[in-house]
Amino acid sequence: MKTVIRMAMLSLLLSAVPAFAQMDWSAVGSTGVIDETSTPLYEFNGPSLNLRPAQVGVAVARYQVNNTFGSGFTKMPPWTTMLMAYNDNGPGAFVRARLFRVNICTRVPELICEIRSQDNTNCDKCQIDPARPIDFNSYVYYIEADLTKNTPQDFPALHHLAIF
């Protein structure tokens, strides 16, 4: 009987591995590292990155992309898409997210995916350049996001980023 229970537990444990192995990368807007030039402009509101109500200008945040696929057992996750959830309430508000890969040896960044907000839309995707697939063997990755506000009435906000 103990052998049956042990086999059942082992089977349950091994069946859970594929579920954990299929993890994608994601981050909420408030987890970005804010560029020092943006310090007076930004604020966090729960999970979101916003520009302060009375401020106008551009705030920049960067997000490190880690290999969460397969518990790090593979260095080449099959990710093909980046998603950005945001607010853009009109022509004076703008949110942009750009996914870069940086060669570990040369440290040269390459843009591989970009999303530009559209007025009154709240979620957009871009396809990662198939000629530049995600490869943690040779590259490190980050997302640079910028929020632009041209008038106090504008309300750009970055809520969520994901790669899958």
Protein backbone atom coordinates (compact mmCIF):
# COMPACT_ATOMS: atom_id res chain seq x y z
CA MET A 1 0.00 0.00 0.00
CA LYS A 2 2.85 2.41 0.83
CA THR A 3 4.37 1.73 -2.59
CA VAL A 4 1.09 2.62 -4.30
CA ILE A 5 0.86 5.87 -2.33
CA ARG A 6 4.48 6.74 -3.15
CA MET A 7 3.93 6.03 -6.84
CA ALA A 8 0.77 8.15 -6.83
CA MET A 9 2.63 11.05 -5.15
CA LEU A 10 5.52 10.78 -7.61
CA SER A 11 3.09 10.71 -10.53
CA LEU A 12 1.30 13.79 -9.18
CA LEU A 13 4.58 15.62 -8.69
CA LEU A 14 5.83 14.83 -12.20
CA SER A 15 2.54 15.82 -13.80
CA ALA A 16 2.85 19.25 -12.18
CA VAL A 17 6.21 19.97 -13.83
CA PRO A 18 4.79 20.72 -17.32
CA ALA A 19 2.33 23.21 -15.82
CA PHE A 20 5.16 25.11 -14.13
CA ALA A 21 7.41 24.75 -17.16
CA GLN A 22 5.10 26.79 -19.40
CA MET A 23 5.51 30.11 -17.61
CA ASP A 24 5.58 33.36 -19.52
CA TRP A 25 7.15 36.63 -18.39
CA SER A 26 5.05 39.49 -17.04
CA ALA A 27 5.36 42.63 -14.95
CA VAL A 28 3.01 45.30 -13.67
CA GLY A 29 3.81 48.91 -14.53
CA SER A 30 4.79 49.84 -10.98
CA THR A 31 7.75 47.42 -10.96
CA GLY A 32 9.84 49.30 -13.52
CA VAL A 33 13.11 51.02 -12.71
CA ILE A 34 12.49 54.71 -13.30
CA ASP A 35 15.05 56.72 -15.26
CA GLU A 36 16.56 59.36 -13.00
CA THR A 37 15.45 62.16 -15.37
CA SER A 38 11.82 61.07 -14.83
CA THR A 39 11.80 61.30 -11.02
CA PRO A 40 9.66 64.46 -10.69
CA LEU A 41 7.15 63.31 -13.31
CA TYR A 42 5.93 59.86 -12.35
CA GLU A 43 3.81 58.21 -9.69
CA PHE A 44 2.68 54.68 -8.96
CA ASN A 45 -1.00 53.94 -8.50
CA GLY A 46 -1.39 50.33 -7.37
CA PRO A 47 0.07 48.23 -10.19
CA SER A 48 0.25 51.13 -12.65
CA LEU A 49 2.87 53.66 -13.67
CA ASN A 50 1.32 57.10 -14.28
CA LEU A 51 2.44 60.65 -14.84
CA ARG A 52 1.48 62.99 -11.97
CA PRO A 53 -1.70 65.02 -12.61
CA ALA A 54 -0.07 68.46 -12.80
CA GLN A 55 3.02 67.31 -14.72
CA VAL A 56 3.65 67.25 -18.46
CA GLY A 57 6.60 65.56 -20.13
CA VAL A 58 8.04 62.10 -20.71
CA ALA A 59 8.76 59.48 -18.06
CA VAL A 60 10.92 56.44 -18.85
CA ALA A 61 10.97 53.10 -17.05
CA ARG A 62 12.92 49.91 -17.74
CA TYR A 63 11.94 46.32 -16.97
CA GLN A 64 14.42 43.45 -16.85
CA VAL A 65 13.12 40.38 -18.68
CA ASN A 66 14.11 37.12 -16.99
CA ASN A 67 13.92 33.61 -18.34
CA THR A 68 10.84 32.20 -16.60
CA PHE A 69 10.17 29.50 -19.18
CA GLY A 70 10.68 25.90 -18.11
CA SER A 71 12.02 26.95 -14.71
CA GLY A 72 15.11 28.11 -16.58
CA PHE A 73 15.88 24.62 -17.97
CA THR A 74 15.87 25.93 -21.52
CA LYS A 75 17.56 29.12 -22.67
CA MET A 76 15.30 29.50 -25.73
CA PRO A 77 11.66 29.97 -24.71
CA PRO A 78 9.15 29.86 -27.58
CA TRP A 79 7.89 33.38 -26.87
CA THR A 80 6.70 35.24 -29.97
CA THR A 81 4.51 38.07 -28.66
CA MET A 82 4.78 41.09 -26.37
CA LEU A 83 1.64 42.62 -24.84
CA MET A 84 1.15 46.06 -23.27
CA ALA A 85 -1.94 47.06 -21.25
CA TYR A 86 -2.25 50.83 -20.87
CA ASN A 87 -4.40 53.96 -20.83
CA ASP A 88 -4.20 56.52 -23.62
CA ASN A 89 -7.05 59.01 -23.37
CA GLY A 90 -6.37 61.02 -26.50
CA PRO A 91 -3.90 62.70 -28.86
CA GLY A 92 -1.85 64.32 -26.07
CA ALA A 93 -1.22 61.06 -24.24
CA PHE A 94 1.15 58.38 -25.46
CA VAL A 95 2.60 55.12 -24.15
CA ARG A 96 5.31 53.08 -25.87
CA ALA A 97 7.07 49.84 -24.93
CA ARG A 98 10.14 48.53 -26.75
CA LEU A 99 11.69 45.11 -26.22
CA PHE A 100 15.46 45.06 -26.65
CA ARG A 101 17.95 42.25 -26.68
CA VAL A 102 21.56 43.00 -25.78
CA ASN A 103 24.40 40.79 -26.92
CA ILE A 104 26.20 39.55 -23.80
CA CYS A 105 29.66 40.04 -25.30
CA THR A 106 29.30 43.16 -27.47
CA ARG A 107 26.65 44.88 -25.28
CA VAL A 108 24.98 46.21 -28.44
CA PRO A 109 21.18 46.56 -28.02
CA GLU A 110 18.79 45.55 -30.81
CA LEU A 111 15.11 46.45 -30.97
CA ILE A 112 13.04 43.29 -31.54
CA CYS A 113 9.47 44.42 -30.79
CA GLU A 114 7.69 47.76 -30.30
CA ILE A 115 4.19 48.76 -29.24
CA ARG A 116 2.87 52.32 -29.63
CA SER A 117 -0.37 53.22 -27.94
CA GLN A 118 -3.44 54.22 -29.89
CA ASP A 119 -5.95 56.82 -28.69
CA ASN A 120 -8.62 55.42 -26.40
CA THR A 121 -7.27 51.88 -26.65
CA ASN A 122 -6.08 49.88 -23.70
CA CYS A 123 -4.27 46.75 -24.91
CA ASP A 124 -1.97 46.06 -27.87
CA LYS A 125 0.51 43.40 -28.99
CA CYS A 126 3.51 43.13 -31.26
CA GLN A 127 5.17 40.10 -32.78
CA ILE A 128 8.78 39.49 -31.81
CA ASP A 129 10.98 39.63 -34.90
CA PRO A 130 11.29 35.96 -35.99
CA ALA A 131 14.83 36.68 -37.23
CA ARG A 132 15.70 37.58 -33.61
CA PRO A 133 14.09 34.88 -31.42
CA ILE A 134 14.45 34.98 -27.64
CA ASP A 135 17.79 33.33 -26.78
CA PHE A 136 19.09 33.67 -23.23
CA ASN A 137 22.31 31.85 -24.24
CA SER A 138 23.68 34.92 -26.02
CA TYR A 139 21.47 37.83 -24.99
CA VAL A 140 19.94 39.65 -22.05
CA TYR A 141 16.59 41.38 -22.47
CA TYR A 142 14.82 44.47 -21.21
CA ILE A 143 11.76 46.53 -22.01
CA GLU A 144 11.98 50.29 -22.10
CA ALA A 145 8.65 52.05 -21.65
CA ASP A 146 7.94 55.74 -21.98
CA LEU A 147 4.81 57.67 -21.09
CA THR A 148 4.22 61.06 -22.69
CA LYS A 149 1.80 63.68 -21.42
CA ASN A 150 1.39 66.95 -23.34
CA THR A 151 -1.34 68.64 -21.26
CA PRO A 152 -2.53 68.23 -17.66
CA GLN A 153 -5.77 66.68 -18.99
CA ASP A 154 -3.91 63.78 -20.62
CA PHE A 155 -3.76 60.49 -18.76
CA PRO A 156 -1.22 57.98 -20.03
CA ALA A 157 -0.70 54.94 -17.79
CA LEU A 158 1.17 51.66 -18.11
CA HIS A 159 -0.60 48.81 -16.33
CA HIS A 160 1.00 45.57 -17.50
CA LEU A 161 3.65 44.07 -19.79
CA ALA A 162 3.88 40.43 -20.83
CA ILE A 163 5.89 38.24 -23.18
CA PHE A 164 4.49 34.90 -24.27
